[in-house]
Amino acid sequence: MTTPFALTYTTPRPPAPATPFTYDAARQMNICADGSPAATNYPVLLSTSSTSSTAGSKTHNDDD
């Protein structure tokens, strides 16, 4: 079986950058490795542009 012409020139997708925070379900916010809220960590905000999560919007039936 031959490879289609277009696939000859494809390149693998680069890996997604790791986020410097994780979501804490108990506190319902994104938390940095040191335990501080990600929303108050300005270097995190500058590097990621956002720390928003979709967890809160899933509780409303009109937010699909």
N, C-alpha and C. Protein backbone atom coordinates (compact mmCIF):
# COMPACT_ATOMS: atom_id res chain seq x y z
N MET A 1 0.85 -1.18 0.00
CA MET A 1 0.00 0.00 0.00
C MET A 1 0.89 1.24 0.00
N THR A 2 0.58 2.19 -0.82
CA THR A 2 1.39 3.41 -0.89
C THR A 2 0.82 4.50 0.00
N THR A 3 1.70 5.40 0.42
CA THR A 3 1.29 6.53 1.24
C THR A 3 0.74 7.63 0.36
N PRO A 4 -0.41 8.21 0.73
CA PRO A 4 -0.93 9.33 -0.07
C PRO A 4 0.09 10.46 -0.14
N PHE A 5 0.13 11.16 -1.28
CA PHE A 5 1.12 12.20 -1.52
C PHE A 5 1.15 13.25 -0.40
N ALA A 6 0.01 13.72 0.06
CA ALA A 6 -0.04 14.78 1.08
C ALA A 6 0.59 14.32 2.39
N LEU A 7 0.46 13.05 2.71
CA LEU A 7 1.01 12.57 3.98
C LEU A 7 2.53 12.43 3.96
N THR A 8 3.12 12.51 2.80
CA THR A 8 4.56 12.45 2.68
C THR A 8 5.21 13.66 3.34
N TYR A 9 4.51 14.77 3.38
CA TYR A 9 5.07 16.03 3.87
C TYR A 9 4.50 16.46 5.23
N THR A 10 3.83 15.60 5.92
CA THR A 10 3.29 15.96 7.23
C THR A 10 4.36 15.86 8.30
N THR A 11 4.18 16.63 9.35
CA THR A 11 5.08 16.57 10.50
C THR A 11 4.26 16.30 11.75
N PRO A 12 4.84 15.63 12.72
CA PRO A 12 4.08 15.36 13.94
C PRO A 12 3.75 16.65 14.69
N ARG A 13 2.64 16.63 15.38
CA ARG A 13 2.22 17.78 16.18
C ARG A 13 3.14 17.89 17.40
N PRO A 14 3.59 19.10 17.72
CA PRO A 14 4.43 19.24 18.91
C PRO A 14 3.62 18.94 20.17
N PRO A 15 4.26 18.45 21.20
CA PRO A 15 3.51 18.13 22.43
C PRO A 15 2.94 19.40 23.05
N ALA A 16 1.80 19.26 23.69
CA ALA A 16 1.16 20.41 24.35
C ALA A 16 2.01 20.82 25.55
N PRO A 17 2.14 22.13 25.76
CA PRO A 17 2.92 22.56 26.92
C PRO A 17 2.23 22.17 28.23
N ALA A 18 3.02 21.85 29.20
CA ALA A 18 2.47 21.46 30.50
C ALA A 18 1.99 22.71 31.24
N THR A 19 0.84 22.61 31.84
CA THR A 19 0.35 23.75 32.61
C THR A 19 0.98 23.72 34.00
N PRO A 20 1.32 24.89 34.52
CA PRO A 20 1.98 24.95 35.83
C PRO A 20 1.00 24.90 36.99
N PHE A 21 -0.23 24.47 36.74
CA PHE A 21 -1.22 24.38 37.81
C PHE A 21 -2.13 23.19 37.56
N THR A 22 -2.85 22.78 38.60
CA THR A 22 -3.82 21.70 38.49
C THR A 22 -5.12 22.14 39.14
N TYR A 23 -6.20 21.50 38.75
CA TYR A 23 -7.51 21.85 39.31
C TYR A 23 -7.72 21.08 40.61
N ASP A 24 -8.10 21.78 41.65
CA ASP A 24 -8.40 21.18 42.96
C ASP A 24 -9.92 21.19 43.12
N ALA A 25 -10.53 20.02 43.03
CA ALA A 25 -11.99 19.93 43.08
C ALA A 25 -12.53 20.35 44.45
N ALA A 26 -11.80 20.08 45.50
CA ALA A 26 -12.27 20.45 46.84
C ALA A 26 -12.35 21.96 47.01
N ARG A 27 -11.37 22.66 46.48
CA ARG A 27 -11.36 24.13 46.58
C ARG A 27 -12.00 24.80 45.38
N GLN A 28 -12.29 24.04 44.34
CA GLN A 28 -12.89 24.50 43.09
C GLN A 28 -12.11 25.65 42.48
N MET A 29 -10.79 25.46 42.39
CA MET A 29 -9.93 26.45 41.74
C MET A 29 -8.65 25.78 41.26
N ASN A 30 -7.94 26.46 40.40
CA ASN A 30 -6.65 25.98 39.92
C ASN A 30 -5.59 26.35 40.94
N ILE A 31 -4.74 25.38 41.26
CA ILE A 31 -3.74 25.53 42.30
C ILE A 31 -2.35 25.30 41.72
N CYS A 32 -1.39 26.16 42.10
CA CYS A 32 0.01 25.96 41.71
C CYS A 32 0.63 24.85 42.56
N ALA A 33 1.82 24.43 42.19
CA ALA A 33 2.49 23.34 42.90
C ALA A 33 2.74 23.68 44.37
N ASP A 34 2.92 24.96 44.68
CA ASP A 34 3.17 25.35 46.08
C ASP A 34 1.89 25.49 46.89
N GLY A 35 0.71 25.26 46.29
CA GLY A 35 -0.56 25.33 47.00
C GLY A 35 -1.26 26.67 46.90
N SER A 36 -0.64 27.64 46.27
CA SER A 36 -1.27 28.96 46.14
C SER A 36 -2.24 28.97 44.96
N PRO A 37 -3.27 29.81 45.01
CA PRO A 37 -4.20 29.90 43.88
C PRO A 37 -3.49 30.40 42.62
N ALA A 38 -3.75 29.77 41.51
CA ALA A 38 -3.09 30.15 40.26
C ALA A 38 -3.54 31.53 39.80
N ALA A 39 -4.74 31.95 40.17
CA ALA A 39 -5.26 33.24 39.73
C ALA A 39 -4.51 34.42 40.35
N THR A 40 -3.79 34.19 41.43
CA THR A 40 -3.03 35.28 42.07
C THR A 40 -1.53 35.20 41.75
N ASN A 41 -1.14 34.23 40.95
CA ASN A 41 0.27 34.05 40.59
C ASN A 41 0.49 34.73 39.24
N TYR A 42 1.04 35.94 39.26
CA TYR A 42 1.17 36.73 38.03
C TYR A 42 2.07 36.08 36.98
N PRO A 43 3.19 35.45 37.32
CA PRO A 43 3.96 34.77 36.28
C PRO A 43 3.16 33.66 35.57
N VAL A 44 2.31 32.96 36.32
CA VAL A 44 1.46 31.93 35.71
C VAL A 44 0.46 32.58 34.76
N LEU A 45 -0.16 33.66 35.20
CA LEU A 45 -1.13 34.35 34.35
C LEU A 45 -0.48 34.88 33.07
N LEU A 46 0.72 35.42 33.19
CA LEU A 46 1.41 35.94 32.01
C LEU A 46 1.83 34.83 31.05
N SER A 47 2.21 33.69 31.59
CA SER A 47 2.70 32.61 30.71
C SER A 47 1.56 31.80 30.08
N THR A 48 0.42 31.72 30.73
CA THR A 48 -0.67 30.89 30.22
C THR A 48 -1.85 31.69 29.71
N SER A 49 -1.91 32.96 30.00
CA SER A 49 -2.98 33.87 29.60
C SER A 49 -4.29 33.64 30.33
N SER A 50 -4.43 32.54 31.02
CA SER A 50 -5.69 32.27 31.68
C SER A 50 -5.52 31.10 32.64
N THR A 51 -6.34 31.07 33.65
CA THR A 51 -6.41 29.89 34.52
C THR A 51 -7.85 29.44 34.63
N SER A 52 -8.65 29.76 33.62
CA SER A 52 -10.07 29.44 33.70
C SER A 52 -10.30 27.95 33.58
N SER A 53 -11.37 27.51 34.17
CA SER A 53 -11.76 26.11 34.14
C SER A 53 -13.22 26.03 33.73
N THR A 54 -13.60 24.94 33.11
CA THR A 54 -15.00 24.76 32.72
C THR A 54 -15.79 24.07 33.81
N ALA A 55 -15.18 23.76 34.93
CA ALA A 55 -15.86 23.01 35.98
C ALA A 55 -17.09 23.74 36.49
N GLY A 56 -17.01 25.02 36.74
CA GLY A 56 -18.14 25.76 37.27
C GLY A 56 -19.28 25.88 36.28
N SER A 57 -18.98 26.01 35.00
CA SER A 57 -20.05 26.19 34.02
C SER A 57 -20.83 24.92 33.77
N LYS A 58 -20.31 23.79 34.17
CA LYS A 58 -21.01 22.52 33.95
C LYS A 58 -22.21 22.38 34.89
N THR A 59 -22.33 23.24 35.89
CA THR A 59 -23.44 23.13 36.83
C THR A 59 -24.71 23.80 36.32
N HIS A 60 -24.62 24.58 35.25
CA HIS A 60 -25.77 25.27 34.72
C HIS A 60 -26.28 24.54 33.48
N ASN A 61 -27.59 24.32 33.45
CA ASN A 61 -28.13 23.55 32.34
C ASN A 61 -28.14 24.31 31.02
N ASP A 62 -27.96 25.64 31.05
CA ASP A 62 -27.93 26.39 29.80
C ASP A 62 -26.53 26.63 29.27
N ASP A 63 -25.52 26.12 29.96
CA ASP A 63 -24.12 26.27 29.51
C ASP A 63 -23.64 24.97 28.88
N ASP A 64 -23.88 24.82 27.61
CA ASP A 64 -23.44 23.59 26.94
C ASP A 64 -22.27 23.83 26.07
